[in-house]
Protein backbone atom coordinates (compact mmCIF):
# COMPACT_ATOMS: atom_id res chain seq x y z
CA UNK A 1 0.00 0.00 0.00
CA UNK A 2 1.18 3.49 -0.67
CA UNK A 3 0.82 6.55 1.55
CA UNK A 4 -2.22 7.82 -0.38
CA UNK A 5 -4.08 4.53 0.17
CA UNK A 6 -3.09 4.51 3.84
CA UNK A 7 -4.34 8.08 4.26
CA UNK A 8 -7.66 7.33 2.54
CA UNK A 9 -8.24 4.29 4.73
CA UNK A 10 -7.26 6.21 7.86
CA UNK A 11 -9.65 9.07 7.12
CA UNK A 12 -12.53 6.73 6.35
CA UNK A 13 -11.92 4.77 9.57
CA UNK A 14 -11.86 7.95 11.66
CA UNK A 15 -15.27 8.81 10.29
CA UNK A 16 -16.85 5.63 11.65
CA UNK A 17 -14.98 5.03 14.92
CA UNK A 18 -17.74 6.44 17.14
CA UNK A 19 -20.21 4.15 15.35
CA UNK A 20 -17.86 1.18 15.85
CA UNK A 21 -17.51 1.90 19.58
CA UNK A 22 -21.29 1.91 20.01
CA UNK A 23 -21.51 -1.35 18.02
CA UNK A 24 -18.96 -3.02 20.30
CA UNK A 25 -20.57 -1.80 23.52
CA UNK A 26 -24.03 -2.78 22.28
CA UNK A 27 -22.89 -6.39 22.78
CA UNK A 28 -21.87 -5.72 26.38
CA UNK A 29 -19.68 -3.52 28.53
CA UNK A 30 -15.98 -3.21 27.89
CA UNK A 31 -12.84 -1.40 28.95
CA UNK A 32 -10.57 0.64 26.71
CA UNK A 33 -7.92 -1.97 25.92
CA UNK A 34 -10.63 -4.56 25.19
CA UNK A 35 -12.37 -2.11 22.85
CA UNK A 36 -9.06 -1.42 21.09
CA UNK A 37 -8.45 -5.16 20.69
CA UNK A 38 -11.89 -5.70 19.15
CA UNK A 39 -11.30 -2.83 16.74
CA UNK A 40 -7.88 -4.20 15.78
CA UNK A 41 -9.28 -7.69 15.24
CA UNK A 42 -11.84 -6.13 12.88
CA UNK A 43 -8.97 -4.45 10.98
CA UNK A 44 -9.84 -1.04 12.46
CA UNK A 45 -6.57 -0.18 14.21
CA UNK A 46 -6.73 2.58 16.81
CA UNK A 47 -4.38 4.05 19.40
CA UNK A 48 -5.18 5.11 22.97
CA UNK A 49 -4.69 8.76 22.07
CA UNK A 50 -7.61 8.44 19.64
CA UNK A 51 -9.85 6.14 21.65
CA UNK A 52 -9.93 7.93 25.01
CA UNK A 53 -11.15 11.28 23.65
CA UNK A 54 -13.91 9.46 21.74
CA UNK A 55 -15.00 7.58 24.87
CA UNK A 56 -15.01 10.80 26.90
CA UNK A 57 -17.01 12.63 24.22
CA UNK A 58 -19.57 9.83 23.99
CA UNK A 59 -19.83 9.70 27.79
CA UNK A 60 -20.31 13.49 27.95
CA UNK A 61 -23.03 13.23 25.29
CA UNK A 62 -24.85 10.68 27.45
CA UNK A 63 -24.26 7.84 24.98
CA UNK A 64 -22.06 5.86 27.38
CA UNK A 65 -21.77 5.38 31.11
CA UNK A 66 -18.98 3.72 33.06
CA UNK A 67 -18.17 1.99 36.30
CA UNK A 68 -14.87 1.19 38.01
CA UNK A 69 -13.85 -2.38 38.76
CA UNK A 70 -10.79 -3.65 40.57
CA UNK A 71 -8.39 -5.52 38.30
CA UNK A 72 -6.37 -8.55 39.41
CA UNK A 73 -3.60 -7.30 37.10
CA UNK A 74 -2.95 -3.70 38.08
CA UNK A 75 -5.02 -0.58 38.61
CA UNK A 76 -8.84 -0.53 38.55
CA UNK A 77 -10.45 -0.60 35.13
CA UNK A 78 -13.12 1.71 33.82
CA UNK A 79 -15.83 -0.39 32.16
CA UNK A 80 -17.99 1.43 29.63
CA UNK A 81 -21.55 0.51 28.70
CA UNK A 82 -24.04 1.93 26.24
CA UNK A 83 -26.96 3.94 27.61
CA UNK A 84 -30.51 4.10 26.28
CA UNK A 85 -29.57 7.35 24.55
CA UNK A 86 -26.57 5.52 23.07
CA UNK A 87 -28.83 2.72 21.81
CA UNK A 88 -31.06 5.29 20.12
CA UNK A 89 -27.99 6.93 18.57
CA UNK A 90 -26.76 3.52 17.38
CA UNK A 91 -30.12 2.85 15.73
CA UNK A 92 -29.89 6.21 13.92
CA UNK A 93 -26.33 5.42 12.86
CA UNK A 94 -27.41 1.97 11.61
CA UNK A 95 -30.07 3.62 9.48
CA UNK A 96 -27.67 6.28 8.16
CA UNK A 97 -25.06 3.61 7.38
CA UNK A 98 -27.59 1.63 5.34
CA UNK A 99 -28.59 4.75 3.41
CA UNK A 100 -24.97 5.67 2.70
CA UNK A 101 -24.06 2.13 1.65
CA UNK A 102 -27.09 1.99 -0.68
CA UNK A 103 -26.23 5.38 -2.20
CA UNK A 104 -22.62 4.35 -2.85
CA UNK A 105 -23.75 1.02 -4.27
CA UNK A 106 -26.16 2.76 -6.64
CA UNK A 107 -23.35 5.01 -7.86
CA UNK A 108 -21.18 2.00 -8.69
CA UNK A 109 -23.87 0.16 -10.66
C-alpha atoms as a PDB file:
ATOM      1  CA  UNK A   1       0.000   0.000   0.000  1.00  0.00           C
ATOM      2  CA  UNK A   2       1.180   3.493  -0.672  1.00  0.00           C
ATOM      3  CA  UNK A   3       0.824   6.546   1.547  1.00  0.00           C
ATOM      4  CA  UNK A   4      -2.217   7.815  -0.385  1.00  0.00           C
ATOM      5  CA  UNK A   5      -4.076   4.531   0.165  1.00  0.00           C
ATOM      6  CA  UNK A   6      -3.085   4.505   3.843  1.00  0.00           C
ATOM      7  CA  UNK A   7      -4.341   8.083   4.255  1.00  0.00           C
ATOM      8  CA  UNK A   8      -7.663   7.333   2.539  1.00  0.00           C
ATOM      9  CA  UNK A   9      -8.244   4.289   4.731  1.00  0.00           C
ATOM     10  CA  UNK A  10      -7.259   6.210   7.855  1.00  0.00           C
ATOM     11  CA  UNK A  11      -9.648   9.074   7.125  1.00  0.00           C
ATOM     12  CA  UNK A  12     -12.530   6.728   6.347  1.00  0.00           C
ATOM     13  CA  UNK A  13     -11.916   4.766   9.573  1.00  0.00           C
ATOM     14  CA  UNK A  14     -11.857   7.949  11.658  1.00  0.00           C
ATOM     15  CA  UNK A  15     -15.272   8.812  10.291  1.00  0.00           C
ATOM     16  CA  UNK A  16     -16.850   5.630  11.647  1.00  0.00           C
ATOM     17  CA  UNK A  17     -14.984   5.032  14.917  1.00  0.00           C
ATOM     18  CA  UNK A  18     -17.740   6.436  17.138  1.00  0.00           C
ATOM     19  CA  UNK A  19     -20.209   4.148  15.351  1.00  0.00           C
ATOM     20  CA  UNK A  20     -17.862   1.183  15.854  1.00  0.00           C
ATOM     21  CA  UNK A  21     -17.506   1.904  19.580  1.00  0.00           C
ATOM     22  CA  UNK A  22     -21.287   1.907  20.014  1.00  0.00           C
ATOM     23  CA  UNK A  23     -21.513  -1.350  18.019  1.00  0.00           C
ATOM     24  CA  UNK A  24     -18.959  -3.017  20.304  1.00  0.00           C
ATOM     25  CA  UNK A  25     -20.574  -1.805  23.523  1.00  0.00           C
ATOM     26  CA  UNK A  26     -24.031  -2.783  22.281  1.00  0.00           C
ATOM     27  CA  UNK A  27     -22.894  -6.388  22.776  1.00  0.00           C
ATOM     28  CA  UNK A  28     -21.869  -5.720  26.377  1.00  0.00           C
ATOM     29  CA  UNK A  29     -19.682  -3.523  28.527  1.00  0.00           C
ATOM     30  CA  UNK A  30     -15.981  -3.206  27.894  1.00  0.00           C
ATOM     31  CA  UNK A  31     -12.840  -1.397  28.951  1.00  0.00           C
ATOM     32  CA  UNK A  32     -10.566   0.645  26.710  1.00  0.00           C
ATOM     33  CA  UNK A  33      -7.923  -1.965  25.915  1.00  0.00           C
ATOM     34  CA  UNK A  34     -10.625  -4.556  25.188  1.00  0.00           C
ATOM     35  CA  UNK A  35     -12.374  -2.109  22.853  1.00  0.00           C
ATOM     36  CA  UNK A  36      -9.062  -1.421  21.093  1.00  0.00           C
ATOM     37  CA  UNK A  37      -8.450  -5.157  20.692  1.00  0.00           C
ATOM     38  CA  UNK A  38     -11.893  -5.698  19.155  1.00  0.00           C
ATOM     39  CA  UNK A  39     -11.301  -2.828  16.738  1.00  0.00           C
ATOM     40  CA  UNK A  40      -7.882  -4.197  15.778  1.00  0.00           C
ATOM     41  CA  UNK A  41      -9.277  -7.689  15.241  1.00  0.00           C
ATOM     42  CA  UNK A  42     -11.843  -6.127  12.880  1.00  0.00           C
ATOM     43  CA  UNK A  43      -8.967  -4.445  10.976  1.00  0.00           C
ATOM     44  CA  UNK A  44      -9.844  -1.040  12.464  1.00  0.00           C
ATOM     45  CA  UNK A  45      -6.570  -0.177  14.209  1.00  0.00           C
ATOM     46  CA  UNK A  46      -6.729   2.581  16.810  1.00  0.00           C
ATOM     47  CA  UNK A  47      -4.381   4.048  19.403  1.00  0.00           C
ATOM     48  CA  UNK A  48      -5.180   5.107  22.966  1.00  0.00           C
ATOM     49  CA  UNK A  49      -4.694   8.759  22.067  1.00  0.00           C
ATOM     50  CA  UNK A  50      -7.607   8.442  19.639  1.00  0.00           C
ATOM     51  CA  UNK A  51      -9.854   6.137  21.654  1.00  0.00           C
ATOM     52  CA  UNK A  52      -9.928   7.926  25.011  1.00  0.00           C
ATOM     53  CA  UNK A  53     -11.152  11.284  23.652  1.00  0.00           C
ATOM     54  CA  UNK A  54     -13.912   9.464  21.736  1.00  0.00           C
ATOM     55  CA  UNK A  55     -15.002   7.581  24.868  1.00  0.00           C
ATOM     56  CA  UNK A  56     -15.005  10.802  26.895  1.00  0.00           C
ATOM     57  CA  UNK A  57     -17.011  12.634  24.222  1.00  0.00           C
ATOM     58  CA  UNK A  58     -19.565   9.829  23.992  1.00  0.00           C
ATOM     59  CA  UNK A  59     -19.831   9.704  27.791  1.00  0.00           C
ATOM     60  CA  UNK A  60     -20.310  13.491  27.952  1.00  0.00           C
ATOM     61  CA  UNK A  61     -23.026  13.228  25.287  1.00  0.00           C
ATOM     62  CA  UNK A  62     -24.847  10.678  27.446  1.00  0.00           C
ATOM     63  CA  UNK A  63     -24.261   7.837  24.976  1.00  0.00           C
ATOM     64  CA  UNK A  64     -22.059   5.857  27.375  1.00  0.00           C
ATOM     65  CA  UNK A  65     -21.770   5.382  31.107  1.00  0.00           C
ATOM     66  CA  UNK A  66     -18.981   3.723  33.056  1.00  0.00           C
ATOM     67  CA  UNK A  67     -18.166   1.992  36.298  1.00  0.00           C
ATOM     68  CA  UNK A  68     -14.871   1.194  38.011  1.00  0.00           C
ATOM     69  CA  UNK A  69     -13.847  -2.377  38.763  1.00  0.00           C
ATOM     70  CA  UNK A  70     -10.788  -3.652  40.568  1.00  0.00           C
ATOM     71  CA  UNK A  71      -8.394  -5.519  38.304  1.00  0.00           C
ATOM     72  CA  UNK A  72      -6.369  -8.547  39.413  1.00  0.00           C
ATOM     73  CA  UNK A  73      -3.598  -7.298  37.097  1.00  0.00           C
ATOM     74  CA  UNK A  74      -2.952  -3.703  38.079  1.00  0.00           C
ATOM     75  CA  UNK A  75      -5.020  -0.579  38.608  1.00  0.00           C
ATOM     76  CA  UNK A  76      -8.838  -0.532  38.554  1.00  0.00           C
ATOM     77  CA  UNK A  77     -10.449  -0.603  35.129  1.00  0.00           C
ATOM     78  CA  UNK A  78     -13.121   1.711  33.817  1.00  0.00           C
ATOM     79  CA  UNK A  79     -15.826  -0.392  32.164  1.00  0.00           C
ATOM     80  CA  UNK A  80     -17.995   1.427  29.634  1.00  0.00           C
ATOM     81  CA  UNK A  81     -21.548   0.507  28.703  1.00  0.00           C
ATOM     82  CA  UNK A  82     -24.036   1.928  26.241  1.00  0.00           C
ATOM     83  CA  UNK A  83     -26.964   3.945  27.614  1.00  0.00           C
ATOM     84  CA  UNK A  84     -30.510   4.099  26.280  1.00  0.00           C
ATOM     85  CA  UNK A  85     -29.570   7.354  24.547  1.00  0.00           C
ATOM     86  CA  UNK A  86     -26.572   5.517  23.070  1.00  0.00           C
ATOM     87  CA  UNK A  87     -28.830   2.716  21.807  1.00  0.00           C
ATOM     88  CA  UNK A  88     -31.055   5.294  20.117  1.00  0.00           C
ATOM     89  CA  UNK A  89     -27.986   6.929  18.568  1.00  0.00           C
ATOM     90  CA  UNK A  90     -26.759   3.520  17.384  1.00  0.00           C
ATOM     91  CA  UNK A  91     -30.125   2.848  15.730  1.00  0.00           C
ATOM     92  CA  UNK A  92     -29.885   6.206  13.922  1.00  0.00           C
ATOM     93  CA  UNK A  93     -26.325   5.419  12.856  1.00  0.00           C
ATOM     94  CA  UNK A  94     -27.405   1.974  11.607  1.00  0.00           C
ATOM     95  CA  UNK A  95     -30.069   3.623   9.475  1.00  0.00           C
ATOM     96  CA  UNK A  96     -27.673   6.277   8.160  1.00  0.00           C
ATOM     97  CA  UNK A  97     -25.057   3.610   7.378  1.00  0.00           C
ATOM     98  CA  UNK A  98     -27.589   1.627   5.340  1.00  0.00           C
ATOM     99  CA  UNK A  99     -28.595   4.752   3.415  1.00  0.00           C
ATOM    100  CA  UNK A 100     -24.970   5.674   2.696  1.00  0.00           C
ATOM    101  CA  UNK A 101     -24.062   2.135   1.646  1.00  0.00           C
ATOM    102  CA  UNK A 102     -27.088   1.990  -0.676  1.00  0.00           C
ATOM    103  CA  UNK A 103     -26.235   5.378  -2.203  1.00  0.00           C
ATOM    104  CA  UNK A 104     -22.623   4.350  -2.847  1.00  0.00           C
ATOM    105  CA  UNK A 105     -23.748   1.017  -4.267  1.00  0.00           C
ATOM    106  CA  UNK A 106     -26.158   2.763  -6.639  1.00  0.00           C
ATOM    107  CA  UNK A 107     -23.345   5.009  -7.863  1.00  0.00           C
ATOM    108  CA  UNK A 108     -21.181   2.005  -8.686  1.00  0.00           C
ATOM    109  CA  UNK A 109     -23.872   0.161 -10.663  1.00  0.00           C
END
